[in-house]
Amino acid sequence: MATAAPSSFLSSAARRIPPIQCLLTFEALARLRSVTQTAEELCVTPSAVSHRVKQLEQILGVRLFGRADFSLTTEGSAYLAHVREGLGALQRFPGAASAPGRRRLKLAVTPTFARTILIPRLRQFTEAYPEIDLALQVSIPLLDVVAEDADLMVRFGPGHYADVEHVELARDVVTPLASPAFVREHGPFDKPEDLEGVPLLRSPLEPWRTWFAATALDWPEPSEGSQFNDIGLMCDAAAAGMGVALVRLKLGAPWLENGTLVRLFATDTASPHAHYLCWRTGTMDRWECAAFADWLRKTMA
């Protein structure tokens, strides 16, 4: 009787484990979000893809996909992490060299976006995908100076990128910010015209003409004054009392929350630029890249 227990346990466990072809199909469809591409990758017919996903949903008793665009349901997202972890474990061979099954993902990210938006959320990703090792590198906005070997890149600009595939992550509004001490010394600022003669901090990332036009100010783009190619540095300069900065509210949130910067006016306007996630053709064939791209788009929504 003692020898029958393991066999009985394995038989019971096997009945609870979905077929491997269903799990492979689920992972591929979640990554590719296309029945046709999934079928091509797995060398099966599109109908086989649909059948396997339906079979898996019946076994689990939950819906895994939103039917319109193959976006994952809440249950699907949670199960996908388990499936990828399990598939990763199956790829590890006995006696393989250091850290088998782990994936390395190199990201090139603009500095202030990394500090204020990405890093505070990044633990969510590393907890969901512990088998992925991230390597973050700094890129320079607008100039698009990035490491050549980066897998994924966050760029900030107009979105005209012929050299890479890309998707828009987030847009924002801009408004003038200054330190409380600066406001006391140079204020009050009751109307946009009160900025006349005040030092305006400049950045090619956020041209003042955008806000001028929104407030009906017929002023040219400032040609004098301190200039910065990083919004975080410009916020620090404004907080130090160097002048007024035109800042995106999402990126300026840390300075606004700690009180080192304050809004001057209620008027804001859409920035002409946005953040984009970029990658070279073929990058999304790697599931770790697709997983991060999907996670980032959802966390930015």
Protein backbone atom coordinates (compact mmCIF):
# COMPACT_ATOMS: atom_id res chain seq x y z
CA MET A 1 0.00 0.00 0.00
CA ALA A 2 2.87 2.36 0.78
CA THR A 3 4.20 2.12 -2.77
CA ALA A 4 0.84 3.03 -4.31
CA ALA A 5 0.69 6.50 -2.72
CA PRO A 6 3.21 8.23 -5.00
CA SER A 7 1.57 6.84 -8.12
CA SER A 8 -1.83 7.95 -6.89
CA PHE A 9 -0.48 11.43 -6.11
CA LEU A 10 1.14 11.83 -9.54
CA SER A 11 -2.01 10.67 -11.28
CA SER A 12 -4.07 13.19 -9.32
CA ALA A 13 -1.58 15.99 -9.97
CA ALA A 14 -1.47 15.25 -13.69
CA ARG A 15 -5.21 15.72 -13.91
CA ARG A 16 -4.85 19.23 -12.49
CA ILE A 17 -2.08 20.33 -14.90
CA PRO A 18 -3.35 21.66 -18.26
CA PRO A 19 -1.80 20.19 -21.42
CA ILE A 20 1.57 21.74 -22.25
CA GLN A 21 0.42 22.69 -25.75
CA CYS A 22 -2.36 24.77 -24.21
CA LEU A 23 0.11 26.58 -21.95
CA LEU A 24 2.52 27.24 -24.82
CA THR A 25 -0.31 28.58 -26.96
CA PHE A 26 -1.59 30.80 -24.14
CA GLU A 27 1.87 32.29 -23.56
CA ALA A 28 2.47 32.91 -27.27
CA LEU A 29 -0.95 34.51 -27.82
CA ALA A 30 -0.50 36.74 -24.77
CA ARG A 31 2.85 37.87 -26.16
CA LEU A 32 1.94 38.23 -29.83
CA ARG A 33 -1.76 39.18 -29.47
CA SER A 34 -2.44 37.68 -32.88
CA VAL A 35 -3.93 34.28 -33.69
CA THR A 36 -2.20 34.24 -37.06
CA GLN A 37 1.26 35.00 -35.67
CA THR A 38 0.76 32.55 -32.82
CA ALA A 39 -0.21 29.84 -35.29
CA GLU A 40 2.87 30.57 -37.39
CA GLU A 41 5.18 30.47 -34.38
CA LEU A 42 3.77 27.17 -33.14
CA CYS A 43 3.38 25.66 -36.62
CA VAL A 44 -0.33 24.95 -36.14
CA THR A 45 -3.52 26.23 -37.69
CA PRO A 46 -5.34 29.33 -36.37
CA SER A 47 -8.27 27.13 -35.43
CA ALA A 48 -5.93 25.01 -33.31
CA VAL A 49 -4.84 28.13 -31.45
CA SER A 50 -8.44 29.08 -30.71
CA HIS A 51 -9.27 25.51 -29.65
CA ARG A 52 -6.32 25.29 -27.24
CA VAL A 53 -7.12 28.61 -25.59
CA LYS A 54 -10.76 27.62 -25.20
CA GLN A 55 -9.71 24.27 -23.75
CA LEU A 56 -7.43 25.99 -21.24
CA GLU A 57 -10.18 28.40 -20.19
CA GLN A 58 -12.56 25.49 -19.69
CA ILE A 59 -10.00 23.67 -17.52
CA LEU A 60 -9.35 26.77 -15.41
CA GLY A 61 -12.92 27.97 -15.33
CA VAL A 62 -11.98 31.60 -16.11
CA ARG A 63 -11.64 33.85 -19.14
CA LEU A 64 -8.04 34.63 -19.99
CA PHE A 65 -8.45 37.14 -22.82
CA GLY A 66 -10.59 40.11 -23.73
CA ARG A 67 -11.94 38.83 -27.03
CA ALA A 68 -11.62 42.06 -29.05
CA ASP A 69 -7.87 42.64 -28.95
CA PHE A 70 -6.53 39.64 -26.98
CA SER A 71 -5.73 41.85 -24.01
CA LEU A 72 -5.48 39.80 -20.85
CA THR A 73 -8.15 39.75 -18.17
CA THR A 74 -7.09 40.20 -14.55
CA GLU A 75 -7.10 36.42 -14.11
CA GLY A 76 -5.20 36.02 -17.39
CA SER A 77 -2.43 38.40 -16.30
CA ALA A 78 -2.01 36.60 -13.00
CA TYR A 79 -1.99 33.16 -14.63
CA LEU A 80 0.46 34.28 -17.33
CA ALA A 81 3.10 35.01 -14.69
CA HIS A 82 2.72 31.45 -13.33
CA VAL A 83 2.81 29.93 -16.81
CA ARG A 84 5.98 31.79 -17.78
CA GLU A 85 7.62 30.84 -14.51
CA GLY A 86 6.70 27.20 -15.12
CA LEU A 87 7.85 27.21 -18.73
CA GLY A 88 11.08 28.88 -17.68
CA ALA A 89 11.67 26.14 -15.12
CA LEU A 90 11.12 23.47 -17.77
CA GLN A 91 13.77 25.11 -19.96
CA ARG A 92 16.42 24.65 -17.31
CA PHE A 93 18.61 21.62 -17.91
CA PRO A 94 20.29 19.67 -15.11
CA GLY A 95 23.90 20.69 -14.70
CA ALA A 96 23.51 23.86 -16.78
CA ALA A 97 25.85 26.75 -16.05
CA SER A 98 25.10 29.73 -13.86
CA ALA A 99 21.47 30.85 -13.41
CA PRO A 100 19.88 28.80 -16.20
CA GLY A 101 16.49 29.96 -17.39
CA ARG A 102 17.05 33.61 -16.43
CA ARG A 103 16.54 36.37 -18.96
CA ARG A 104 18.37 39.70 -19.20
CA LEU A 105 16.54 42.78 -20.45
CA LYS A 106 18.41 46.00 -21.22
CA LEU A 107 16.45 49.25 -21.01
CA ALA A 108 17.50 52.73 -22.12
CA VAL A 109 15.36 55.28 -20.26
CA THR A 110 15.30 59.07 -20.07
CA PRO A 111 16.54 60.25 -16.64
CA THR A 112 13.54 62.06 -15.12
CA PHE A 113 11.06 59.52 -16.50
CA ALA A 114 13.12 56.80 -14.85
CA ARG A 115 13.28 58.53 -11.46
CA THR A 116 9.73 59.85 -11.18
CA ILE A 117 7.63 57.33 -13.11
CA LEU A 118 9.43 54.05 -13.80
CA ILE A 119 11.42 53.32 -10.63
CA PRO A 120 8.48 53.81 -8.22
CA ARG A 121 6.52 51.19 -10.20
CA LEU A 122 9.34 48.83 -11.14
CA ARG A 123 9.02 46.56 -8.11
CA GLN A 124 5.63 45.43 -9.45
CA PHE A 125 7.33 44.11 -12.57
CA THR A 126 10.26 42.42 -10.82
CA GLU A 127 7.86 40.66 -8.44
CA ALA A 128 5.71 39.45 -11.35
CA TYR A 129 8.75 38.35 -13.41
CA PRO A 130 11.51 37.38 -10.94
CA GLU A 131 13.34 35.43 -13.66
CA ILE A 132 14.04 38.64 -15.65
CA ASP A 133 17.15 40.63 -14.75
CA LEU A 134 16.84 44.31 -15.71
CA ALA A 135 19.73 46.54 -16.73
CA LEU A 136 18.81 50.25 -16.87
CA GLN A 137 20.83 52.76 -18.87
CA VAL A 138 20.31 56.49 -19.27
CA SER A 139 19.35 57.96 -22.64
CA ILE A 140 19.28 61.63 -23.63
CA PRO A 141 15.82 62.96 -24.61
CA LEU A 142 15.30 64.39 -28.11
CA LEU A 143 18.90 63.69 -29.10
CA ASP A 144 18.03 59.97 -28.92
CA VAL A 145 21.46 59.08 -27.57
CA VAL A 146 20.99 55.50 -26.37
CA ALA A 147 23.15 52.46 -25.89
CA GLU A 148 23.34 50.50 -29.11
CA ASP A 149 22.68 47.20 -27.36
CA ALA A 150 19.52 48.33 -25.52
CA ASP A 151 16.57 45.98 -26.08
CA LEU A 152 13.89 48.57 -25.33
CA MET A 153 14.17 52.36 -25.31
CA VAL A 154 11.98 55.06 -23.81
CA ARG A 155 12.27 58.16 -25.96
CA PHE A 156 10.74 61.59 -25.49
CA GLY A 157 9.93 63.62 -28.55
CA PRO A 158 7.53 64.10 -31.46
CA GLY A 159 7.20 60.39 -32.22
CA HIS A 160 8.63 60.40 -35.74
CA TYR A 161 10.98 57.42 -35.45
CA ALA A 162 11.67 55.77 -38.79
CA ASP A 163 14.50 53.63 -37.43
CA VAL A 164 12.46 51.69 -34.86
CA GLU A 165 9.00 50.41 -34.10
CA HIS A 166 7.32 52.38 -31.34
CA VAL A 167 4.18 52.92 -29.32
CA GLU A 168 3.07 55.99 -27.40
CA LEU A 169 3.23 55.56 -23.62
CA ALA A 170 1.98 58.84 -22.20
CA ARG A 171 1.19 62.44 -22.95
CA ASP A 172 1.11 65.24 -20.41
CA VAL A 173 0.26 68.89 -19.88
CA VAL A 174 2.74 71.65 -19.08
CA THR A 175 2.46 74.65 -16.77
CA PRO A 176 4.88 77.19 -15.26
CA LEU A 177 6.39 76.26 -11.88
CA ALA A 178 8.66 78.16 -9.50
CA SER A 179 9.89 77.97 -5.93
CA PRO A 180 7.82 79.58 -3.15
CA ALA A 181 10.73 81.93 -2.41
CA PHE A 182 10.89 82.98 -6.06
CA VAL A 183 7.15 83.72 -6.04
CA ARG A 184 7.51 85.86 -2.91
CA GLU A 185 10.40 87.80 -4.45
CA HIS A 186 9.07 88.26 -7.99
CA GLY A 187 5.31 87.85 -7.61
CA PRO A 188 2.46 88.07 -7.42
CA PHE A 189 1.62 86.12 -10.57
CA ASP A 190 -2.03 86.80 -11.22
CA LYS A 191 -2.02 86.66 -15.02
CA PRO A 192 0.34 85.28 -17.70
CA GLU A 193 1.58 88.77 -18.56
CA ASP A 194 3.19 88.92 -15.11
CA LEU A 195 5.98 86.71 -16.46
CA GLU A 196 7.35 89.67 -18.44
CA GLY A 197 10.91 90.41 -17.34
CA VAL A 198 11.11 87.30 -15.17
CA PRO A 199 13.92 84.78 -15.85
CA LEU A 200 12.45 81.85 -17.77
CA LEU A 201 14.35 78.57 -17.67
CA ARG A 202 14.61 76.99 -21.11
CA SER A 203 14.64 73.45 -22.48
CA PRO A 204 14.31 72.07 -26.01
CA LEU A 205 12.11 69.41 -24.42
CA GLU A 206 9.42 71.96 -23.55
CA PRO A 207 9.30 75.09 -25.76
CA TRP A 208 7.63 78.05 -24.08
CA ARG A 209 5.78 78.98 -27.29
CA THR A 210 3.32 76.13 -26.59
CA TRP A 211 2.16 77.71 -23.34
CA PHE A 212 2.39 81.25 -24.71
CA ALA A 213 -0.02 80.36 -27.51
CA ALA A 214 -2.45 78.70 -25.07
CA THR A 215 -2.58 81.89 -22.98
CA ALA A 216 -2.81 84.26 -25.97
CA LEU A 217 0.64 85.72 -25.33
CA ASP A 218 2.21 86.92 -28.58
CA TRP A 219 5.74 86.38 -27.27
CA PRO A 220 8.67 84.79 -29.11
CA GLU A 221 10.50 81.76 -27.77
CA PRO A 222 13.00 82.96 -25.12
CA SER A 223 16.51 83.18 -26.52
CA GLU A 224 18.32 84.02 -23.28
CA GLY A 225 18.58 82.39 -19.89
CA SER A 226 19.74 79.09 -18.45
CA GLN A 227 19.01 76.02 -20.58
CA PHE A 228 18.68 72.33 -19.64
CA ASN A 229 18.33 69.09 -21.61
CA ASP A 230 16.88 67.23 -18.62
CA ILE A 231 13.58 68.16 -16.97
CA GLY A 232 14.73 66.94 -13.57
CA LEU A 233 17.73 69.28 -13.64
CA MET A 234 15.48 72.14 -14.70
CA CYS A 235 13.10 71.42 -11.81
CA ASP A 236 16.04 71.42 -9.40
CA ALA A 237 17.19 74.74 -10.82
CA ALA A 238 13.71 76.23 -10.44
CA ALA A 239 13.51 74.89 -6.89
CA ALA A 240 16.82 76.67 -6.19
CA GLY A 241 15.24 79.96 -7.27
CA MET A 242 16.92 80.36 -10.66
CA GLY A 243 13.69 81.15 -12.51
CA VAL A 244 10.38 79.84 -13.80
CA ALA A 245 10.31 76.42 -15.46
CA LEU A 246 7.72 75.08 -17.89
CA VAL A 247 7.21 71.56 -16.59
CA ARG A 248 5.05 68.53 -17.33
CA LEU A 249 2.85 67.85 -14.32
CA LYS A 250 3.53 64.10 -14.19
CA LEU A 251 7.29 64.61 -14.19
CA GLY A 252 7.08 67.57 -11.84
CA ALA A 253 4.92 65.72 -9.31
CA PRO A 254 7.74 64.99 -6.78
CA TRP A 255 8.69 68.68 -6.56
CA LEU A 256 5.05 69.77 -6.28
CA GLU A 257 4.33 67.17 -3.62
CA ASN A 258 7.27 68.17 -1.42
CA GLY A 259 6.53 71.87 -1.87
CA THR A 260 9.81 72.92 -3.47
CA LEU A 261 7.86 74.03 -6.57
CA VAL A 262 4.40 75.57 -6.87
CA ARG A 263 2.10 76.33 -9.77
CA LEU A 264 1.92 79.96 -10.86
CA PHE A 265 -1.31 79.78 -12.87
CA ALA A 266 -4.29 77.50 -13.31
CA THR A 267 -3.75 77.39 -17.08
CA ASP A 268 -1.94 74.42 -18.58
CA THR A 269 -1.66 73.08 -22.10
CA ALA A 270 -0.76 69.84 -23.84
CA SER A 271 2.93 69.24 -24.44
CA PRO A 272 3.85 68.87 -28.13
CA HIS A 273 5.97 65.85 -27.20
CA ALA A 274 5.27 62.49 -25.57
CA HIS A 275 7.06 59.45 -24.19
CA TYR A 276 7.38 56.49 -26.56
CA LEU A 277 8.54 52.92 -26.06
CA CYS A 278 10.78 51.97 -28.98
CA TRP A 279 12.34 48.74 -30.19
CA ARG A 280 14.04 47.29 -33.23
CA THR A 281 12.22 44.85 -35.49
CA GLY A 282 12.26 41.34 -34.06
CA THR A 283 12.78 42.40 -30.44
CA MET A 284 9.24 41.45 -29.44
CA ASP A 285 9.92 37.86 -30.45
CA ARG A 286 11.62 37.57 -27.06
CA TRP A 287 8.93 37.03 -24.46
CA GLU A 288 10.75 39.03 -21.77
CA CYS A 289 10.67 42.11 -24.02
CA ALA A 290 7.00 41.60 -24.86
CA ALA A 291 6.20 41.08 -21.17
CA PHE A 292 7.87 44.33 -20.14
CA ALA A 293 6.28 46.30 -22.98
CA ASP A 294 2.82 45.00 -22.06
CA TRP A 295 3.38 45.73 -18.36
CA LEU A 296 4.68 49.26 -19.01
CA ARG A 297 1.76 50.18 -21.24
CA LYS A 298 -0.72 48.97 -18.65
CA THR A 299 0.97 50.69 -15.72
CA MET A 300 1.04 53.95 -17.69
CA ALA A 301 -2.64 53.72 -18.65
